[in-house]
Amino acid sequence: MNKGYSQEILDGIKERFPGVEIKIHSPRRTYLKINRDKVYELAKYLFKELGCRLSIATGIDTRDGLEIIYHFSYDPAGTYYNIKTVVPKDEPKIKSLADFLPAANWIEREIHELLGVDFVGHPNLIPLLTAEDWPEGTYPLRRDYE
């Protein structure tokens, strides 16, 4: 029976990404908090080198900024490695993962549309969910939305 997270994987992440904060939430879920400028490289490492797959991404407007979490599943162990970052509301930009990870395409579009995060390099950030006449610059999942 697998115990969940792998210390060997976590050690490799720490060595390769020295600024990462690792929080083991449970034996099957680990959070990897990192600066937004390093998310792309960490995601690529999880996907290309460790064989993790992107399950989904989430975004939320917090008091600290716009939090984005990419949830990666490591299927051989039944665990999740969640890349967590915060982008400031006054500069809501982060590099898109869509160029190497097609599964990120639609969820980044949704987060862009609903929270206003600009995924730099994304091939197509046109809206998916809001009406065609939805006011530009108005994001329904922001705390200040009325």
N, C-alpha and C. Protein backbone atom coordinates (compact mmCIF):
# COMPACT_ATOMS: atom_id res chain seq x y z
N MET A 1 0.84 -1.19 0.00
CA MET A 1 0.00 0.00 0.00
C MET A 1 0.88 1.24 0.00
N ASN A 2 0.54 2.20 -0.85
CA ASN A 2 1.34 3.40 -0.98
C ASN A 2 0.98 4.40 0.12
N LYS A 3 1.97 4.99 0.75
CA LYS A 3 1.72 5.93 1.84
C LYS A 3 1.34 7.32 1.35
N GLY A 4 1.44 7.58 0.06
CA GLY A 4 1.09 8.90 -0.46
C GLY A 4 2.29 9.60 -1.02
N TYR A 5 2.53 10.81 -0.53
CA TYR A 5 3.60 11.64 -1.08
C TYR A 5 4.95 10.94 -0.98
N SER A 6 5.84 11.32 -1.85
CA SER A 6 7.18 10.73 -1.89
C SER A 6 8.21 11.74 -1.41
N GLN A 7 8.95 11.39 -0.39
CA GLN A 7 10.01 12.27 0.10
C GLN A 7 11.05 12.51 -0.98
N GLU A 8 11.29 11.51 -1.78
CA GLU A 8 12.26 11.63 -2.87
C GLU A 8 11.80 12.71 -3.88
N ILE A 9 10.52 12.70 -4.22
CA ILE A 9 9.98 13.73 -5.12
C ILE A 9 10.09 15.10 -4.48
N LEU A 10 9.72 15.21 -3.22
CA LEU A 10 9.79 16.50 -2.53
C LEU A 10 11.23 17.01 -2.43
N ASP A 11 12.16 16.12 -2.16
CA ASP A 11 13.57 16.52 -2.10
C ASP A 11 14.04 17.04 -3.47
N GLY A 12 13.61 16.37 -4.54
CA GLY A 12 13.97 16.82 -5.89
C GLY A 12 13.39 18.19 -6.20
N ILE A 13 12.15 18.44 -5.76
CA ILE A 13 11.52 19.74 -5.97
C ILE A 13 12.27 20.81 -5.19
N LYS A 14 12.60 20.53 -3.92
CA LYS A 14 13.33 21.51 -3.10
C LYS A 14 14.68 21.86 -3.71
N GLU A 15 15.37 20.84 -4.22
CA GLU A 15 16.69 21.05 -4.80
C GLU A 15 16.60 21.90 -6.07
N ARG A 16 15.63 21.61 -6.89
CA ARG A 16 15.50 22.31 -8.18
C ARG A 16 14.86 23.69 -8.06
N PHE A 17 13.98 23.86 -7.05
CA PHE A 17 13.25 25.11 -6.86
C PHE A 17 13.43 25.56 -5.41
N PRO A 18 14.58 26.16 -5.08
CA PRO A 18 14.91 26.48 -3.69
C PRO A 18 13.92 27.40 -2.98
N GLY A 19 13.17 28.22 -3.71
CA GLY A 19 12.23 29.14 -3.06
C GLY A 19 10.88 28.55 -2.74
N VAL A 20 10.67 27.30 -3.08
CA VAL A 20 9.35 26.68 -2.88
C VAL A 20 9.08 26.42 -1.40
N GLU A 21 7.85 26.70 -0.99
CA GLU A 21 7.38 26.32 0.36
C GLU A 21 6.54 25.07 0.20
N ILE A 22 6.91 24.02 0.91
CA ILE A 22 6.19 22.75 0.79
C ILE A 22 5.35 22.53 2.04
N LYS A 23 4.07 22.29 1.83
CA LYS A 23 3.16 21.99 2.94
C LYS A 23 2.44 20.69 2.64
N ILE A 24 2.68 19.70 3.47
CA ILE A 24 2.00 18.42 3.31
C ILE A 24 0.66 18.55 4.03
N HIS A 25 -0.38 18.71 3.25
CA HIS A 25 -1.73 18.90 3.78
C HIS A 25 -2.29 17.59 4.32
N SER A 26 -2.01 16.52 3.61
CA SER A 26 -2.41 15.17 3.99
C SER A 26 -1.48 14.22 3.25
N PRO A 27 -1.53 12.93 3.57
CA PRO A 27 -0.62 12.01 2.86
C PRO A 27 -0.80 12.01 1.35
N ARG A 28 -1.97 12.44 0.87
CA ARG A 28 -2.23 12.41 -0.57
C ARG A 28 -2.27 13.79 -1.22
N ARG A 29 -2.06 14.86 -0.46
CA ARG A 29 -2.14 16.21 -1.03
C ARG A 29 -1.02 17.08 -0.46
N THR A 30 -0.19 17.59 -1.36
CA THR A 30 0.93 18.45 -0.99
C THR A 30 0.82 19.76 -1.76
N TYR A 31 0.98 20.87 -1.03
CA TYR A 31 0.96 22.19 -1.65
C TYR A 31 2.39 22.68 -1.85
N LEU A 32 2.63 23.23 -3.03
CA LEU A 32 3.93 23.77 -3.40
C LEU A 32 3.73 25.26 -3.67
N LYS A 33 3.97 26.08 -2.67
CA LYS A 33 3.77 27.53 -2.82
C LYS A 33 5.04 28.14 -3.38
N ILE A 34 4.86 28.89 -4.48
CA ILE A 34 6.03 29.42 -5.17
C ILE A 34 5.68 30.76 -5.82
N ASN A 35 6.67 31.57 -6.05
CA ASN A 35 6.50 32.86 -6.71
C ASN A 35 5.95 32.64 -8.11
N ARG A 36 5.09 33.53 -8.55
CA ARG A 36 4.44 33.36 -9.86
C ARG A 36 5.43 33.25 -11.01
N ASP A 37 6.62 33.82 -10.86
CA ASP A 37 7.63 33.75 -11.92
C ASP A 37 8.23 32.35 -12.07
N LYS A 38 8.00 31.48 -11.11
CA LYS A 38 8.56 30.12 -11.15
C LYS A 38 7.50 29.04 -11.41
N VAL A 39 6.23 29.44 -11.48
CA VAL A 39 5.15 28.47 -11.67
C VAL A 39 5.33 27.68 -12.96
N TYR A 40 5.64 28.37 -14.04
CA TYR A 40 5.78 27.72 -15.34
C TYR A 40 6.83 26.61 -15.28
N GLU A 41 8.00 26.92 -14.73
CA GLU A 41 9.08 25.93 -14.67
C GLU A 41 8.72 24.75 -13.77
N LEU A 42 8.07 25.04 -12.63
CA LEU A 42 7.68 23.96 -11.72
C LEU A 42 6.61 23.07 -12.36
N ALA A 43 5.65 23.67 -13.02
CA ALA A 43 4.60 22.90 -13.69
C ALA A 43 5.20 22.02 -14.78
N LYS A 44 6.12 22.58 -15.53
CA LYS A 44 6.77 21.82 -16.60
C LYS A 44 7.56 20.64 -16.02
N TYR A 45 8.21 20.87 -14.88
CA TYR A 45 8.95 19.81 -14.20
C TYR A 45 8.00 18.68 -13.76
N LEU A 46 6.89 19.06 -13.13
CA LEU A 46 5.93 18.04 -12.69
C LEU A 46 5.38 17.25 -13.86
N PHE A 47 5.04 17.95 -14.94
CA PHE A 47 4.42 17.30 -16.09
C PHE A 47 5.41 16.50 -16.92
N LYS A 48 6.49 17.13 -17.33
CA LYS A 48 7.42 16.49 -18.27
C LYS A 48 8.37 15.50 -17.60
N GLU A 49 8.85 15.85 -16.39
CA GLU A 49 9.87 15.00 -15.78
C GLU A 49 9.32 13.99 -14.79
N LEU A 50 8.24 14.37 -14.07
CA LEU A 50 7.68 13.43 -13.09
C LEU A 50 6.48 12.66 -13.63
N GLY A 51 5.94 13.11 -14.75
CA GLY A 51 4.80 12.40 -15.34
C GLY A 51 3.47 12.71 -14.67
N CYS A 52 3.39 13.83 -13.98
CA CYS A 52 2.11 14.23 -13.38
C CYS A 52 1.20 14.75 -14.48
N ARG A 53 -0.10 14.71 -14.22
CA ARG A 53 -1.05 15.27 -15.18
C ARG A 53 -1.84 16.38 -14.51
N LEU A 54 -2.18 17.39 -15.29
CA LEU A 54 -2.98 18.49 -14.76
C LEU A 54 -4.42 18.03 -14.66
N SER A 55 -4.96 18.06 -13.44
CA SER A 55 -6.36 17.70 -13.24
C SER A 55 -7.26 18.91 -13.47
N ILE A 56 -6.88 20.03 -12.88
CA ILE A 56 -7.67 21.26 -12.97
C ILE A 56 -6.83 22.38 -12.36
N ALA A 57 -7.28 23.59 -12.54
CA ALA A 57 -6.69 24.74 -11.84
C ALA A 57 -7.84 25.50 -11.21
N THR A 58 -7.55 26.18 -10.12
CA THR A 58 -8.56 26.99 -9.46
C THR A 58 -8.02 28.39 -9.25
N GLY A 59 -8.93 29.33 -9.16
CA GLY A 59 -8.56 30.70 -8.89
C GLY A 59 -9.54 31.30 -7.90
N ILE A 60 -9.04 32.14 -7.01
CA ILE A 60 -9.88 32.79 -6.01
C ILE A 60 -9.32 34.16 -5.68
N ASP A 61 -10.21 35.09 -5.47
CA ASP A 61 -9.83 36.44 -5.07
C ASP A 61 -9.70 36.43 -3.55
N THR A 62 -8.49 36.61 -3.05
CA THR A 62 -8.25 36.64 -1.61
C THR A 62 -7.82 38.05 -1.20
N ARG A 63 -7.68 38.26 0.07
CA ARG A 63 -7.21 39.57 0.55
C ARG A 63 -5.78 39.85 0.09
N ASP A 64 -5.01 38.79 -0.13
CA ASP A 64 -3.60 38.94 -0.53
C ASP A 64 -3.41 39.13 -2.03
N GLY A 65 -4.41 38.81 -2.83
CA GLY A 65 -4.30 38.89 -4.28
C GLY A 65 -5.13 37.79 -4.92
N LEU A 66 -4.87 37.52 -6.16
CA LEU A 66 -5.58 36.48 -6.89
C LEU A 66 -4.77 35.19 -6.80
N GLU A 67 -5.30 34.25 -6.05
CA GLU A 67 -4.61 32.98 -5.83
C GLU A 67 -4.95 32.01 -6.94
N ILE A 68 -3.92 31.40 -7.50
CA ILE A 68 -4.09 30.38 -8.52
C ILE A 68 -3.44 29.10 -8.03
N ILE A 69 -4.17 28.01 -8.17
CA ILE A 69 -3.63 26.70 -7.79
C ILE A 69 -3.80 25.76 -8.98
N TYR A 70 -2.68 25.22 -9.44
CA TYR A 70 -2.70 24.18 -10.46
C TYR A 70 -2.63 22.84 -9.72
N HIS A 71 -3.61 21.98 -9.94
CA HIS A 71 -3.70 20.69 -9.25
C HIS A 71 -3.18 19.59 -10.17
N PHE A 72 -2.03 19.04 -9.82
CA PHE A 72 -1.41 17.97 -10.60
C PHE A 72 -1.57 16.64 -9.88
N SER A 73 -2.02 15.64 -10.62
CA SER A 73 -2.17 14.30 -10.08
C SER A 73 -0.96 13.46 -10.44
N TYR A 74 -0.41 12.79 -9.43
CA TYR A 74 0.65 11.82 -9.66
C TYR A 74 0.01 10.45 -9.50
N ASP A 75 -0.48 9.93 -10.61
CA ASP A 75 -1.33 8.74 -10.59
C ASP A 75 -0.68 7.48 -10.02
N PRO A 76 0.63 7.24 -10.24
CA PRO A 76 1.20 6.01 -9.68
C PRO A 76 1.05 5.91 -8.15
N ALA A 77 1.00 7.05 -7.46
CA ALA A 77 0.88 7.03 -6.00
C ALA A 77 -0.49 7.50 -5.52
N GLY A 78 -1.33 7.97 -6.44
CA GLY A 78 -2.63 8.48 -6.04
C GLY A 78 -2.53 9.76 -5.23
N THR A 79 -1.56 10.61 -5.57
CA THR A 79 -1.34 11.84 -4.81
C THR A 79 -1.52 13.07 -5.71
N TYR A 80 -1.67 14.20 -5.05
CA TYR A 80 -1.76 15.48 -5.75
C TYR A 80 -0.65 16.40 -5.29
N TYR A 81 -0.02 17.05 -6.26
CA TYR A 81 0.94 18.12 -6.00
C TYR A 81 0.30 19.38 -6.56
N ASN A 82 0.01 20.32 -5.67
CA ASN A 82 -0.74 21.53 -6.02
C ASN A 82 0.19 22.73 -6.00
N ILE A 83 0.40 23.33 -7.17
CA ILE A 83 1.23 24.52 -7.27
C ILE A 83 0.35 25.72 -6.94
N LYS A 84 0.77 26.44 -5.90
CA LYS A 84 -0.03 27.56 -5.40
C LYS A 84 0.78 28.85 -5.52
N THR A 85 0.14 29.88 -6.07
CA THR A 85 0.80 31.18 -6.19
C THR A 85 -0.23 32.28 -6.06
N VAL A 86 0.23 33.48 -5.82
CA VAL A 86 -0.65 34.64 -5.73
C VAL A 86 -0.14 35.68 -6.71
N VAL A 87 -1.06 36.19 -7.54
CA VAL A 87 -0.71 37.29 -8.42
C VAL A 87 -1.38 38.55 -7.87
N PRO A 88 -0.67 39.66 -7.88
CA PRO A 88 -1.25 40.89 -7.32
C PRO A 88 -2.40 41.40 -8.19
N LYS A 89 -3.40 41.97 -7.55
CA LYS A 89 -4.57 42.48 -8.27
C LYS A 89 -4.21 43.65 -9.18
N ASP A 90 -3.18 44.39 -8.82
CA ASP A 90 -2.80 45.54 -9.65
C ASP A 90 -1.90 45.15 -10.82
N GLU A 91 -1.48 43.90 -10.88
CA GLU A 91 -0.71 43.36 -12.00
C GLU A 91 -1.02 41.87 -12.14
N PRO A 92 -2.26 41.55 -12.53
CA PRO A 92 -2.70 40.16 -12.55
C PRO A 92 -2.20 39.39 -13.78
N LYS A 93 -0.89 39.11 -13.79
CA LYS A 93 -0.28 38.42 -14.93
C LYS A 93 0.53 37.23 -14.44
N ILE A 94 0.48 36.18 -15.26
CA ILE A 94 1.28 34.99 -15.02
C ILE A 94 1.46 34.29 -16.36
N LYS A 95 2.57 33.61 -16.53
CA LYS A 95 2.83 32.91 -17.79
C LYS A 95 1.88 31.72 -17.95
N SER A 96 1.29 31.61 -19.11
CA SER A 96 0.39 30.50 -19.42
C SER A 96 1.16 29.19 -19.52
N LEU A 97 0.49 28.11 -19.15
CA LEU A 97 1.06 26.77 -19.30
C LEU A 97 0.62 26.10 -20.60
N ALA A 98 -0.27 26.76 -21.34
CA ALA A 98 -0.91 26.14 -22.51
C ALA A 98 0.06 25.74 -23.61
N ASP A 99 1.24 26.36 -23.68
CA ASP A 99 2.15 26.02 -24.79
C ASP A 99 2.72 24.61 -24.66
N PHE A 100 2.85 24.10 -23.46
CA PHE A 100 3.33 22.72 -23.31
C PHE A 100 2.29 21.80 -22.68
N LEU A 101 1.21 22.38 -22.21
CA LEU A 101 0.19 21.62 -21.47
C LEU A 101 -1.20 22.00 -21.98
N PRO A 102 -1.65 21.36 -23.06
CA PRO A 102 -2.94 21.72 -23.64
C PRO A 102 -4.11 21.65 -22.65
N ALA A 103 -4.01 20.84 -21.63
CA ALA A 103 -5.09 20.74 -20.64
C ALA A 103 -5.30 22.04 -19.89
N ALA A 104 -4.33 22.94 -19.90
CA ALA A 104 -4.47 24.22 -19.21
C ALA A 104 -5.26 25.25 -20.01
N ASN A 105 -5.48 24.99 -21.27
CA ASN A 105 -6.07 25.97 -22.17
C ASN A 105 -7.41 26.51 -21.67
N TRP A 106 -8.40 25.66 -21.49
CA TRP A 106 -9.74 26.14 -21.14
C TRP A 106 -9.82 26.68 -19.73
N ILE A 107 -9.15 26.05 -18.78
CA ILE A 107 -9.27 26.53 -17.40
C ILE A 107 -8.58 27.89 -17.24
N GLU A 108 -7.48 28.12 -17.95
CA GLU A 108 -6.87 29.45 -17.91
C GLU A 108 -7.81 30.48 -18.54
N ARG A 109 -8.51 30.10 -19.59
CA ARG A 109 -9.50 31.01 -20.19
C ARG A 109 -10.59 31.36 -19.18
N GLU A 110 -11.07 30.37 -18.45
CA GLU A 110 -12.12 30.61 -17.45
C GLU A 110 -11.62 31.52 -16.33
N ILE A 111 -10.43 31.26 -15.83
CA ILE A 111 -9.86 32.10 -14.76
C ILE A 111 -9.64 33.53 -15.27
N HIS A 112 -9.20 33.65 -16.51
CA HIS A 112 -9.04 34.97 -17.12
C HIS A 112 -10.38 35.71 -17.17
N GLU A 113 -11.38 35.03 -17.64
CA GLU A 113 -12.70 35.64 -17.82
C GLU A 113 -13.36 35.99 -16.49
N LEU A 114 -13.23 35.15 -15.49
CA LEU A 114 -13.97 35.33 -14.23
C LEU A 114 -13.20 36.12 -13.18
N LEU A 115 -11.86 36.12 -13.26
CA LEU A 115 -11.05 36.83 -12.26
C LEU A 115 -10.14 37.91 -12.86
N GLY A 116 -9.98 37.91 -14.18
CA GLY A 116 -9.17 38.94 -14.81
C GLY A 116 -7.68 38.68 -14.80
N VAL A 117 -7.27 37.43 -14.67
CA VAL A 117 -5.84 37.10 -14.71
C VAL A 117 -5.42 37.00 -16.17
N ASP A 118 -4.35 37.69 -16.53
CA ASP A 118 -3.81 37.64 -17.88
C ASP A 118 -2.78 36.52 -17.93
N PHE A 119 -3.09 35.47 -18.68
CA PHE A 119 -2.17 34.35 -18.85
C PHE A 119 -1.31 34.66 -20.08
N VAL A 120 -0.14 35.19 -19.82
CA VAL A 120 0.76 35.67 -20.87
C VAL A 120 1.19 34.51 -21.76
N GLY A 121 1.00 34.69 -23.06
CA GLY A 121 1.37 33.66 -24.02
C GLY A 121 0.24 32.69 -24.34
N HIS A 122 -0.90 32.84 -23.69
CA HIS A 122 -2.05 31.96 -23.98
C HIS A 122 -2.52 32.22 -25.40
N PRO A 123 -2.85 31.17 -26.17
CA PRO A 123 -3.19 31.35 -27.58
C PRO A 123 -4.58 31.95 -27.84
N ASN A 124 -5.47 31.95 -26.83
CA ASN A 124 -6.84 32.35 -27.13
C ASN A 124 -7.62 32.64 -25.85
N LEU A 125 -7.54 33.85 -25.35
CA LEU A 125 -8.22 34.18 -24.10
C LEU A 125 -9.63 34.77 -24.30
N ILE A 126 -10.31 34.34 -25.35
CA ILE A 126 -11.67 34.85 -25.55
C ILE A 126 -12.61 34.21 -24.52
N PRO A 127 -13.66 34.94 -24.13
CA PRO A 127 -14.58 34.44 -23.08
C PRO A 127 -15.30 33.14 -23.47
N LEU A 128 -15.57 32.35 -22.45
CA LEU A 128 -16.29 31.09 -22.62
C LEU A 128 -17.67 31.13 -21.94
N LEU A 129 -17.79 31.85 -20.83
CA LEU A 129 -18.95 31.71 -19.96
C LEU A 129 -19.88 32.92 -19.91
N THR A 130 -19.34 34.10 -20.04
CA THR A 130 -20.16 35.30 -19.90
C THR A 130 -20.84 35.65 -21.23
N ALA A 131 -21.87 36.46 -21.14
CA ALA A 131 -22.62 36.89 -22.33
C ALA A 131 -21.73 37.72 -23.25
N GLU A 132 -22.08 37.76 -24.52
CA GLU A 132 -21.30 38.51 -25.50
C GLU A 132 -21.22 39.99 -25.16
N ASP A 133 -22.24 40.53 -24.51
CA ASP A 133 -22.25 41.95 -24.17
C ASP A 133 -21.76 42.22 -22.74
N TRP A 134 -21.09 41.23 -22.15
CA TRP A 134 -20.55 41.40 -20.79
C TRP A 134 -19.54 42.54 -20.80
N PRO A 135 -19.61 43.44 -19.82
CA PRO A 135 -18.70 44.59 -19.83
C PRO A 135 -17.23 44.18 -19.64
N GLU A 136 -16.38 44.67 -20.53
CA GLU A 136 -14.95 44.38 -20.46
C GLU A 136 -14.37 44.96 -19.16
N GLY A 137 -13.48 44.21 -18.51
CA GLY A 137 -12.87 44.67 -17.28
C GLY A 137 -13.72 44.43 -16.04
N THR A 138 -14.84 43.72 -16.20
CA THR A 138 -15.71 43.37 -15.07
C THR A 138 -15.59 41.86 -14.86
N TYR A 139 -15.18 41.47 -13.64
CA TYR A 139 -14.89 40.06 -13.37
C TYR A 139 -15.80 39.55 -12.26
N PRO A 140 -16.73 38.63 -12.57
CA PRO A 140 -17.75 38.22 -11.63
C PRO A 140 -17.28 37.48 -10.38
N LEU A 141 -16.07 36.95 -10.37
CA LEU A 141 -15.59 36.25 -9.18
C LEU A 141 -14.65 37.10 -8.32
N ARG A 142 -14.53 38.36 -8.66
CA ARG A 142 -13.72 39.28 -7.83
C ARG A 142 -14.53 39.74 -6.63
N ARG A 143 -13.86 39.96 -5.54
CA ARG A 143 -14.51 40.41 -4.31
C ARG A 143 -15.22 41.75 -4.48
N ASP A 144 -14.72 42.59 -5.38
CA ASP A 144 -15.31 43.91 -5.56
C ASP A 144 -16.42 43.95 -6.60
N TYR A 145 -16.79 42.78 -7.15
CA TYR A 145 -17.84 42.74 -8.16
C TYR A 145 -19.19 43.04 -7.52
N GLU A 146 -19.97 43.89 -8.17
CA GLU A 146 -21.33 44.21 -7.68
C GLU A 146 -22.35 43.91 -8.73
